[in-house]
Amino acid sequence: MKKEHYLTPALYRIADGSIIEQRRLIIPSVTIGDFTIENVHASVGAGNAPLLLGKSALDKFSKWSINNLTLSLDVIK
């Protein structure tokens, strides 16, 4: 990561209603299956926070869906 990939921290409201501050950055590229998306905004959680793929990343695809039968993410570039 380069210095220009780091953004100012932001405030997020989490499921229990509390507000937390998290560091943010831009990941230059992320590969999902056969597709690569660029300039993905991410926030960095503390400790053992789960890794999540947000809607801003999914919106880089023309179509996406979650397949509950196969427990997979289906994407179309």
C-alpha atoms as a PDB file:
ATOM      1  CA  MET A   1       0.000   0.000   0.000  1.00  0.00           C
ATOM      2  CA  LYS A   2       1.180   3.480  -0.792  1.00  0.00           C
ATOM      3  CA  LYS A   3       0.542   6.595   1.247  1.00  0.00           C
ATOM      4  CA  GLU A   4      -1.972   7.901  -1.310  1.00  0.00           C
ATOM      5  CA  HIS A   5      -4.158   4.796  -0.739  1.00  0.00           C
ATOM      6  CA  TYR A   6      -4.935   5.847   2.839  1.00  0.00           C
ATOM      7  CA  LEU A   7      -8.040   7.981   3.450  1.00  0.00           C
ATOM      8  CA  THR A   8      -9.187   9.912   6.503  1.00  0.00           C
ATOM      9  CA  PRO A   9     -10.952   7.771   9.154  1.00  0.00           C
ATOM     10  CA  ALA A  10     -14.754   7.660   9.119  1.00  0.00           C
ATOM     11  CA  LEU A  11     -17.537   7.041  11.620  1.00  0.00           C
ATOM     12  CA  TYR A  12     -19.743   3.951  11.220  1.00  0.00           C
ATOM     13  CA  ARG A  13     -22.919   2.925  13.026  1.00  0.00           C
ATOM     14  CA  ILE A  14     -22.794  -0.791  13.801  1.00  0.00           C
ATOM     15  CA  ALA A  15     -25.592  -3.308  14.471  1.00  0.00           C
ATOM     16  CA  ASP A  16     -25.928  -2.521  18.193  1.00  0.00           C
ATOM     17  CA  GLY A  17     -26.449   1.182  17.394  1.00  0.00           C
ATOM     18  CA  SER A  18     -23.085   2.394  18.662  1.00  0.00           C
ATOM     19  CA  ILE A  19     -20.804   4.536  16.513  1.00  0.00           C
ATOM     20  CA  ILE A  20     -17.197   3.569  15.940  1.00  0.00           C
ATOM     21  CA  GLU A  21     -14.328   5.201  14.058  1.00  0.00           C
ATOM     22  CA  GLN A  22     -12.434   3.088  11.546  1.00  0.00           C
ATOM     23  CA  ARG A  23      -9.453   3.637   9.298  1.00  0.00           C
ATOM     24  CA  ARG A  24     -10.178   3.696   5.557  1.00  0.00           C
ATOM     25  CA  LEU A  25      -8.143   2.981   2.469  1.00  0.00           C
ATOM     26  CA  ILE A  26      -8.387   2.273  -1.232  1.00  0.00           C
ATOM     27  CA  ILE A  27      -7.300  -1.198  -2.325  1.00  0.00           C
ATOM     28  CA  PRO A  28      -5.825  -0.813  -5.833  1.00  0.00           C
ATOM     29  CA  SER A  29      -7.306  -4.102  -7.128  1.00  0.00           C
ATOM     30  CA  VAL A  30      -9.302  -7.070  -5.849  1.00  0.00           C
ATOM     31  CA  THR A  31      -9.855 -10.301  -7.770  1.00  0.00           C
ATOM     32  CA  ILE A  32     -13.139 -12.161  -7.348  1.00  0.00           C
ATOM     33  CA  GLY A  33     -13.280 -15.350  -9.394  1.00  0.00           C
ATOM     34  CA  ASP A  34     -12.262 -14.429 -12.946  1.00  0.00           C
ATOM     35  CA  PHE A  35     -12.877 -10.698 -12.453  1.00  0.00           C
ATOM     36  CA  THR A  36     -10.661  -7.923 -11.125  1.00  0.00           C
ATOM     37  CA  ILE A  37     -12.141  -4.683  -9.793  1.00  0.00           C
ATOM     38  CA  GLU A  38     -10.065  -1.596  -9.130  1.00  0.00           C
ATOM     39  CA  ASN A  39      -9.991   1.170  -6.535  1.00  0.00           C
ATOM     40  CA  VAL A  40     -12.049  -0.646  -3.914  1.00  0.00           C
ATOM     41  CA  HIS A  41     -12.804   1.423  -0.816  1.00  0.00           C
ATOM     42  CA  ALA A  42     -12.286  -0.481   2.435  1.00  0.00           C
ATOM     43  CA  SER A  43     -12.411   0.129   6.156  1.00  0.00           C
ATOM     44  CA  VAL A  44     -10.119  -1.553   8.651  1.00  0.00           C
ATOM     45  CA  GLY A  45     -11.735  -3.023  11.749  1.00  0.00           C
ATOM     46  CA  ALA A  46     -10.064  -3.673  15.063  1.00  0.00           C
ATOM     47  CA  GLY A  47      -8.872  -7.058  16.289  1.00  0.00           C
ATOM     48  CA  ASN A  48     -10.889  -9.977  14.975  1.00  0.00           C
ATOM     49  CA  ALA A  49     -13.444  -7.947  13.015  1.00  0.00           C
ATOM     50  CA  PRO A  50     -14.890 -10.011  10.151  1.00  0.00           C
ATOM     51  CA  LEU A  51     -13.855  -9.243   6.586  1.00  0.00           C
ATOM     52  CA  LEU A  52     -16.785  -7.905   4.587  1.00  0.00           C
ATOM     53  CA  LEU A  53     -17.341  -7.097   0.931  1.00  0.00           C
ATOM     54  CA  GLY A  54     -19.416  -3.926   0.773  1.00  0.00           C
ATOM     55  CA  LYS A  55     -22.012  -2.706  -1.687  1.00  0.00           C
ATOM     56  CA  SER A  56     -19.603  -0.132  -3.117  1.00  0.00           C
ATOM     57  CA  ALA A  57     -17.433  -3.041  -4.345  1.00  0.00           C
ATOM     58  CA  LEU A  58     -20.417  -5.055  -5.578  1.00  0.00           C
ATOM     59  CA  ASP A  59     -21.709  -2.022  -7.498  1.00  0.00           C
ATOM     60  CA  LYS A  60     -18.647  -2.277  -9.759  1.00  0.00           C
ATOM     61  CA  PHE A  61     -20.340  -5.334 -11.343  1.00  0.00           C
ATOM     62  CA  SER A  62     -23.269  -5.040 -13.752  1.00  0.00           C
ATOM     63  CA  LYS A  63     -25.121  -7.783 -11.851  1.00  0.00           C
ATOM     64  CA  TRP A  64     -24.547  -9.738  -8.652  1.00  0.00           C
ATOM     65  CA  SER A  65     -26.529 -12.125  -6.487  1.00  0.00           C
ATOM     66  CA  ILE A  66     -26.075 -14.387  -3.494  1.00  0.00           C
ATOM     67  CA  ASN A  67     -26.887 -18.020  -4.171  1.00  0.00           C
ATOM     68  CA  ASN A  68     -28.169 -19.503  -0.912  1.00  0.00           C
ATOM     69  CA  LEU A  69     -28.189 -23.039  -2.318  1.00  0.00           C
ATOM     70  CA  THR A  70     -24.477 -23.074  -3.165  1.00  0.00           C
ATOM     71  CA  LEU A  71     -23.457 -20.450  -0.576  1.00  0.00           C
ATOM     72  CA  SER A  72     -21.717 -18.479  -3.305  1.00  0.00           C
ATOM     73  CA  LEU A  73     -21.574 -14.966  -4.729  1.00  0.00           C
ATOM     74  CA  ASP A  74     -22.460 -14.855  -8.424  1.00  0.00           C
ATOM     75  CA  VAL A  75     -21.161 -11.828 -10.333  1.00  0.00           C
ATOM     76  CA  ILE A  76     -21.350 -10.572 -13.922  1.00  0.00           C
ATOM     77  CA  LYS A  77     -18.856  -7.946 -15.029  1.00  0.00           C
END
